[in-house]
């Protein structure tokens, strides 16, 4: 696997990975929220993070975005779940992008367990997500 800097040329594939991953893992998220988030991510959020892409044999299979030491996005295409890609991207972000925090949707317990296995601890909770929607976030950190 290789990890490279994400560019706007990657965005069309990244948004496809995002949507496939969200539909496979964020069952609590209504369709209208997915449709609202998709253009925001494509037009704004990708540009707001240090973006890195994971490739397996020249195929883009996942990505991570970090801003202000916070993992803002980590998405793997469902065909590549449980292959170590997420863990490799996290390790890359810890080693190269100064990542040490993450916010995880409370209704996504598999993601919480994933981060806990990597050493993140729960340090707080918010009732609403970053868009002000009633999807609670669990704040996690390695610096505890």
Foldseek 3Di string as FASTA:
>chain_A
DDKDWDDLVCLVVALVQVVQQCVVFVVVDDPVNNVVVSVCCSPPVSVQFRKMFDDDPNHTFWIWTDDPLETEDTTGRPVCPPVCPSVVRVVCCVVPVNHWKYKDFPSRVVVVVVVVVVQWDFDDKDCADPVRHRGMITIIGNPD
